[in-house]
Amino acid sequence: MKLLMRKGKSIILEPIMNVEIVTMNEYSSSVLADLSQRRCEIQNVDTRGGNKVIIAFVPLSNLLGYSTSLRSITSGNSTFTVEFSHYKAMETIFEEETIKRITGF
């Protein structure tokens, strides 16, 4: 399978989610730092009332456990919504790691 994928020049597509996070101003830098570790693409940071609204594209695989992480970072003072946005070709380094994890070699 691995040989066929390399010879066929196939790519792995991963689902990208549109994430909107509403957080207090004091937690926004911590939330942005956490998102950067999750391979996100920040689309917009805006202010709504006294809160920051962060809109980003994040790979679905990097959102596992995000609710717990966000709750921990912001002491439970943030909310977020997630919806499917599009598929994107996985970066080569992450593609190789994924293939190795799935196939075992």
C-alpha atoms as a PDB file:
ATOM      1  CA  MET A   1       0.000   0.000   0.000  1.00  0.00           C
ATOM      2  CA  LYS A   2       2.809   2.377   0.942  1.00  0.00           C
ATOM      3  CA  LEU A   3       4.631   1.676  -2.328  1.00  0.00           C
ATOM      4  CA  LEU A   4       1.453   2.252  -4.344  1.00  0.00           C
ATOM      5  CA  MET A   5       0.800   5.548  -2.591  1.00  0.00           C
ATOM      6  CA  ARG A   6       4.318   6.779  -3.362  1.00  0.00           C
ATOM      7  CA  LYS A   7       4.302   5.649  -6.989  1.00  0.00           C
ATOM      8  CA  GLY A   8       0.789   6.927  -7.583  1.00  0.00           C
ATOM      9  CA  LYS A   9       1.660  10.323  -6.114  1.00  0.00           C
ATOM     10  CA  SER A  10      -1.492  10.257  -4.042  1.00  0.00           C
ATOM     11  CA  ILE A  11      -2.090  12.709  -1.248  1.00  0.00           C
ATOM     12  CA  ILE A  12      -3.924  12.463   2.027  1.00  0.00           C
ATOM     13  CA  LEU A  13      -6.664  14.998   2.589  1.00  0.00           C
ATOM     14  CA  GLU A  14      -7.558  16.047   6.102  1.00  0.00           C
ATOM     15  CA  PRO A  15     -10.755  17.754   7.242  1.00  0.00           C
ATOM     16  CA  ILE A  16     -10.260  21.377   8.254  1.00  0.00           C
ATOM     17  CA  MET A  17     -12.681  22.836  10.749  1.00  0.00           C
ATOM     18  CA  ASN A  18     -13.789  26.430  11.161  1.00  0.00           C
ATOM     19  CA  VAL A  19     -13.421  27.237  14.872  1.00  0.00           C
ATOM     20  CA  GLU A  20     -14.792  30.319  16.629  1.00  0.00           C
ATOM     21  CA  ILE A  21     -13.589  30.948  20.168  1.00  0.00           C
ATOM     22  CA  VAL A  22     -15.028  33.623  22.451  1.00  0.00           C
ATOM     23  CA  THR A  23     -12.733  34.383  25.367  1.00  0.00           C
ATOM     24  CA  MET A  24     -11.981  37.143  27.830  1.00  0.00           C
ATOM     25  CA  ASN A  25      -9.224  39.576  26.821  1.00  0.00           C
ATOM     26  CA  GLU A  26      -6.902  38.346  29.564  1.00  0.00           C
ATOM     27  CA  TYR A  27      -6.896  34.786  28.182  1.00  0.00           C
ATOM     28  CA  SER A  28      -6.626  35.599  24.479  1.00  0.00           C
ATOM     29  CA  SER A  29      -2.819  35.312  24.265  1.00  0.00           C
ATOM     30  CA  SER A  30      -2.869  31.900  25.975  1.00  0.00           C
ATOM     31  CA  VAL A  31      -5.638  30.699  23.662  1.00  0.00           C
ATOM     32  CA  LEU A  32      -3.711  31.908  20.587  1.00  0.00           C
ATOM     33  CA  ALA A  33      -0.542  30.161  21.824  1.00  0.00           C
ATOM     34  CA  ASP A  34      -2.451  26.904  22.263  1.00  0.00           C
ATOM     35  CA  LEU A  35      -3.977  27.225  18.796  1.00  0.00           C
ATOM     36  CA  SER A  36      -0.563  27.759  17.208  1.00  0.00           C
ATOM     37  CA  GLN A  37       0.529  24.368  18.586  1.00  0.00           C
ATOM     38  CA  ARG A  38      -2.471  22.812  16.835  1.00  0.00           C
ATOM     39  CA  ARG A  39      -1.375  23.819  13.292  1.00  0.00           C
ATOM     40  CA  CYS A  40      -4.110  26.416  12.983  1.00  0.00           C
ATOM     41  CA  GLU A  41      -4.525  29.267  10.534  1.00  0.00           C
ATOM     42  CA  ILE A  42      -5.848  32.330  12.349  1.00  0.00           C
ATOM     43  CA  GLN A  43      -8.415  34.045  10.142  1.00  0.00           C
ATOM     44  CA  ASN A  44      -9.543  36.889  12.360  1.00  0.00           C
ATOM     45  CA  VAL A  45      -9.271  38.251  15.897  1.00  0.00           C
ATOM     46  CA  ASP A  46     -12.025  40.679  16.757  1.00  0.00           C
ATOM     47  CA  THR A  47     -13.631  42.257  19.804  1.00  0.00           C
ATOM     48  CA  ARG A  48     -17.244  41.588  20.769  1.00  0.00           C
ATOM     49  CA  GLY A  49     -18.368  43.379  23.893  1.00  0.00           C
ATOM     50  CA  GLY A  50     -15.523  42.922  26.350  1.00  0.00           C
ATOM     51  CA  ASN A  51     -14.399  39.636  24.814  1.00  0.00           C
ATOM     52  CA  LYS A  52     -12.057  38.559  22.041  1.00  0.00           C
ATOM     53  CA  VAL A  53     -13.461  36.473  19.205  1.00  0.00           C
ATOM     54  CA  ILE A  54     -10.889  34.286  17.472  1.00  0.00           C
ATOM     55  CA  ILE A  55     -11.757  32.637  14.173  1.00  0.00           C
ATOM     56  CA  ALA A  56      -9.374  29.989  12.863  1.00  0.00           C
ATOM     57  CA  PHE A  57      -9.057  26.965  10.588  1.00  0.00           C
ATOM     58  CA  VAL A  58      -7.827  23.916  12.515  1.00  0.00           C
ATOM     59  CA  PRO A  59      -7.294  20.317  11.337  1.00  0.00           C
ATOM     60  CA  LEU A  60      -9.878  18.041  12.935  1.00  0.00           C
ATOM     61  CA  SER A  61      -7.201  15.673  14.252  1.00  0.00           C
ATOM     62  CA  ASN A  62      -5.735  18.521  16.320  1.00  0.00           C
ATOM     63  CA  LEU A  63      -9.043  19.316  18.014  1.00  0.00           C
ATOM     64  CA  LEU A  64      -9.203  16.100  20.029  1.00  0.00           C
ATOM     65  CA  GLY A  65      -9.349  17.143  23.673  1.00  0.00           C
ATOM     66  CA  TYR A  66      -9.626  20.825  22.802  1.00  0.00           C
ATOM     67  CA  SER A  67     -12.628  21.410  25.052  1.00  0.00           C
ATOM     68  CA  THR A  68     -10.692  20.242  28.108  1.00  0.00           C
ATOM     69  CA  SER A  69      -7.624  22.226  27.086  1.00  0.00           C
ATOM     70  CA  LEU A  70      -9.594  25.436  26.524  1.00  0.00           C
ATOM     71  CA  ARG A  71     -11.415  25.014  29.827  1.00  0.00           C
ATOM     72  CA  SER A  72      -8.084  24.548  31.604  1.00  0.00           C
ATOM     73  CA  ILE A  73      -6.390  27.536  29.933  1.00  0.00           C
ATOM     74  CA  THR A  74      -9.273  29.936  30.570  1.00  0.00           C
ATOM     75  CA  SER A  75     -10.578  28.582  33.889  1.00  0.00           C
ATOM     76  CA  GLY A  76     -13.839  27.710  32.136  1.00  0.00           C
ATOM     77  CA  ASN A  77     -14.451  31.273  30.912  1.00  0.00           C
ATOM     78  CA  SER A  78     -14.490  30.609  27.153  1.00  0.00           C
ATOM     79  CA  THR A  79     -16.758  29.001  24.606  1.00  0.00           C
ATOM     80  CA  PHE A  80     -16.118  27.666  21.136  1.00  0.00           C
ATOM     81  CA  THR A  81     -17.993  26.348  18.148  1.00  0.00           C
ATOM     82  CA  VAL A  82     -16.711  24.011  15.453  1.00  0.00           C
ATOM     83  CA  GLU A  83     -18.040  23.364  11.966  1.00  0.00           C
ATOM     84  CA  PHE A  84     -16.611  21.661   8.913  1.00  0.00           C
ATOM     85  CA  SER A  85     -14.990  24.033   6.430  1.00  0.00           C
ATOM     86  CA  HIS A  86     -13.057  22.118   3.757  1.00  0.00           C
ATOM     87  CA  TYR A  87     -10.490  19.432   3.002  1.00  0.00           C
ATOM     88  CA  LYS A  88      -6.821  20.287   2.615  1.00  0.00           C
ATOM     89  CA  ALA A  89      -3.806  18.272   1.497  1.00  0.00           C
ATOM     90  CA  MET A  90      -1.841  17.159   4.517  1.00  0.00           C
ATOM     91  CA  GLU A  91       1.693  18.540   4.825  1.00  0.00           C
ATOM     92  CA  THR A  92       4.384  16.016   3.868  1.00  0.00           C
ATOM     93  CA  ILE A  93       5.876  15.613   7.332  1.00  0.00           C
ATOM     94  CA  PHE A  94       2.484  14.990   8.931  1.00  0.00           C
ATOM     95  CA  GLU A  95       1.468  12.706   6.067  1.00  0.00           C
ATOM     96  CA  GLU A  96       4.512  10.493   6.694  1.00  0.00           C
ATOM     97  CA  GLU A  97       3.781  10.375  10.433  1.00  0.00           C
ATOM     98  CA  THR A  98       0.143   9.461   9.771  1.00  0.00           C
ATOM     99  CA  ILE A  99       1.055   6.667   7.343  1.00  0.00           C
ATOM    100  CA  LYS A 100       3.601   5.304   9.806  1.00  0.00           C
ATOM    101  CA  ARG A 101       1.070   5.416  12.670  1.00  0.00           C
ATOM    102  CA  ILE A 102      -1.612   3.644  10.619  1.00  0.00           C
ATOM    103  CA  THR A 103       0.515   1.021   8.875  1.00  0.00           C
ATOM    104  CA  GLY A 104       3.107   0.533  11.596  1.00  0.00           C
ATOM    105  CA  PHE A 105       6.082   1.024   9.231  1.00  0.00           C
END
